C-alpha cells in the first residue's frame, strides 16, 4: 500500500508540474494526498474490523 501511495504521489507530481501554476498544482497535489491518506486509513480500519 505504501508503494502505491509513493507511486501515485510521483505520478501526480509529474502531471501537475507539466500543467498550470505552481500554487494551483500544490493545491491539487495536497488534495490528492489528503484523499489517499483518508482512503488508506479507511482500508486499515476495515482490515482491523474484519
N, C-alpha and C. Protein backbone atom coordinates (compact mmCIF):
# COMPACT_ATOMS: atom_id res chain seq x y z
N UNK A 1 0.83 -1.19 0.00
CA UNK A 1 0.00 0.00 0.00
C UNK A 1 0.87 1.25 0.00
N UNK A 2 1.97 1.20 0.73
CA UNK A 2 2.87 2.35 0.78
C UNK A 2 3.49 2.59 -0.58
N UNK A 3 3.81 1.52 -1.30
CA UNK A 3 4.39 1.68 -2.63
C UNK A 3 3.40 2.34 -3.58
N UNK A 4 2.14 1.96 -3.45
CA UNK A 4 1.11 2.56 -4.30
C UNK A 4 0.98 4.05 -4.00
N UNK A 5 1.06 4.41 -2.72
CA UNK A 5 0.97 5.82 -2.33
C UNK A 5 2.14 6.60 -2.91
N UNK A 6 3.34 6.05 -2.83
CA UNK A 6 4.52 6.74 -3.37
C UNK A 6 4.41 6.86 -4.88
N UNK A 7 4.00 5.79 -5.54
CA UNK A 7 3.87 5.82 -6.99
C UNK A 7 2.82 6.84 -7.41
N UNK A 8 1.69 6.86 -6.73
CA UNK A 8 0.65 7.84 -7.05
C UNK A 8 1.15 9.25 -6.84
N UNK A 9 1.89 9.46 -5.77
CA UNK A 9 2.43 10.79 -5.49
C UNK A 9 3.37 11.25 -6.59
N UNK A 10 4.24 10.36 -7.03
CA UNK A 10 5.20 10.70 -8.08
C UNK A 10 4.47 11.01 -9.39
N UNK A 11 3.49 10.19 -9.73
CA UNK A 11 2.73 10.41 -10.96
C UNK A 11 2.00 11.75 -10.90
N UNK A 12 1.37 12.03 -9.77
CA UNK A 12 0.65 13.30 -9.63
C UNK A 12 1.59 14.49 -9.74
N UNK A 13 2.75 14.38 -9.12
CA UNK A 13 3.72 15.49 -9.20
C UNK A 13 4.14 15.70 -10.65
N UNK A 14 4.42 14.63 -11.36
CA UNK A 14 4.84 14.75 -12.76
C UNK A 14 3.75 15.40 -13.60
N UNK A 15 2.52 14.99 -13.39
CA UNK A 15 1.42 15.57 -14.16
C UNK A 15 1.20 17.03 -13.81
N UNK A 16 1.27 17.35 -12.54
CA UNK A 16 0.99 18.71 -12.10
C UNK A 16 2.10 19.68 -12.47
N UNK A 17 3.33 19.22 -12.52
CA UNK A 17 4.44 20.09 -12.90
C UNK A 17 4.29 20.53 -14.35
N UNK A 18 3.71 19.67 -15.17
CA UNK A 18 3.56 19.98 -16.59
C UNK A 18 2.36 20.88 -16.88
N UNK A 19 1.52 21.16 -15.91
CA UNK A 19 0.30 21.94 -16.14
C UNK A 19 0.16 23.05 -15.12
N UNK A 20 -0.44 24.15 -15.54
CA UNK A 20 -0.87 25.20 -14.62
C UNK A 20 0.22 25.87 -13.81
N UNK A 21 -0.20 26.67 -12.84
CA UNK A 21 0.73 27.40 -11.99
C UNK A 21 1.14 26.55 -10.80
N UNK A 22 2.21 26.96 -10.15
CA UNK A 22 2.75 26.19 -9.03
C UNK A 22 1.76 26.14 -7.87
N UNK A 23 1.10 27.24 -7.58
CA UNK A 23 0.18 27.25 -6.44
C UNK A 23 -1.04 26.36 -6.70
N UNK A 24 -1.54 26.38 -7.92
CA UNK A 24 -2.67 25.51 -8.27
C UNK A 24 -2.24 24.05 -8.22
N UNK A 25 -1.05 23.77 -8.72
CA UNK A 25 -0.52 22.41 -8.67
C UNK A 25 -0.37 21.93 -7.23
N UNK A 26 0.13 22.79 -6.38
CA UNK A 26 0.31 22.43 -4.98
C UNK A 26 -1.03 22.14 -4.31
N UNK A 27 -2.03 22.94 -4.62
CA UNK A 27 -3.36 22.74 -4.05
C UNK A 27 -3.94 21.40 -4.49
N UNK A 28 -3.83 21.11 -5.77
CA UNK A 28 -4.34 19.84 -6.29
C UNK A 28 -3.59 18.65 -5.70
N UNK A 29 -2.28 18.79 -5.60
CA UNK A 29 -1.47 17.72 -5.03
C UNK A 29 -1.84 17.48 -3.56
N UNK A 30 -2.00 18.56 -2.81
CA UNK A 30 -2.38 18.44 -1.41
C UNK A 30 -3.73 17.75 -1.27
N UNK A 31 -4.68 18.10 -2.12
CA UNK A 31 -6.00 17.44 -2.08
C UNK A 31 -5.87 15.96 -2.38
N UNK A 32 -5.05 15.62 -3.37
CA UNK A 32 -4.87 14.21 -3.73
C UNK A 32 -4.23 13.44 -2.57
N UNK A 33 -3.23 14.03 -1.94
CA UNK A 33 -2.56 13.36 -0.82
C UNK A 33 -3.53 13.15 0.34
N UNK A 34 -4.34 14.15 0.63
CA UNK A 34 -5.32 14.04 1.72
C UNK A 34 -6.31 12.92 1.42
N UNK A 35 -6.76 12.84 0.18
CA UNK A 35 -7.73 11.79 -0.19
C UNK A 35 -7.10 10.41 -0.10
N UNK A 36 -5.86 10.28 -0.56
CA UNK A 36 -5.18 8.98 -0.49
C UNK A 36 -4.95 8.57 0.96
N UNK A 37 -4.56 9.52 1.80
CA UNK A 37 -4.37 9.21 3.21
C UNK A 37 -5.68 8.77 3.85
N UNK A 38 -6.77 9.43 3.50
CA UNK A 38 -8.08 9.06 4.04
C UNK A 38 -8.46 7.65 3.60
N UNK A 39 -8.26 7.35 2.32
CA UNK A 39 -8.58 6.01 1.83
C UNK A 39 -7.70 4.96 2.51
N UNK A 40 -6.45 5.29 2.74
CA UNK A 40 -5.54 4.37 3.42
C UNK A 40 -6.03 4.10 4.84
N UNK A 41 -6.46 5.14 5.54
CA UNK A 41 -6.98 4.98 6.90
C UNK A 41 -8.26 4.14 6.91
N UNK A 42 -9.13 4.38 5.93
CA UNK A 42 -10.36 3.58 5.85
C UNK A 42 -10.05 2.11 5.60
N UNK A 43 -9.10 1.86 4.69
CA UNK A 43 -8.73 0.48 4.39
C UNK A 43 -8.14 -0.20 5.62
N UNK A 44 -7.29 0.51 6.35
CA UNK A 44 -6.69 -0.06 7.56
C UNK A 44 -7.76 -0.36 8.60
N UNK A 45 -8.73 0.53 8.74
CA UNK A 45 -9.82 0.31 9.71
C UNK A 45 -10.67 -0.88 9.29
N UNK A 46 -10.95 -1.00 8.00
CA UNK A 46 -11.75 -2.13 7.52
C UNK A 46 -11.03 -3.45 7.77
N UNK A 47 -9.72 -3.47 7.56
CA UNK A 47 -8.95 -4.70 7.79
C UNK A 47 -8.97 -5.05 9.27
N UNK A 48 -8.81 -4.04 10.13
CA UNK A 48 -8.83 -4.30 11.57
C UNK A 48 -10.20 -4.79 12.03
N UNK A 49 -11.27 -4.26 11.45
CA UNK A 49 -12.62 -4.67 11.82
C UNK A 49 -12.96 -6.05 11.28
N UNK A 50 -12.31 -6.44 10.19
CA UNK A 50 -12.59 -7.72 9.57
C UNK A 50 -12.04 -8.83 10.44
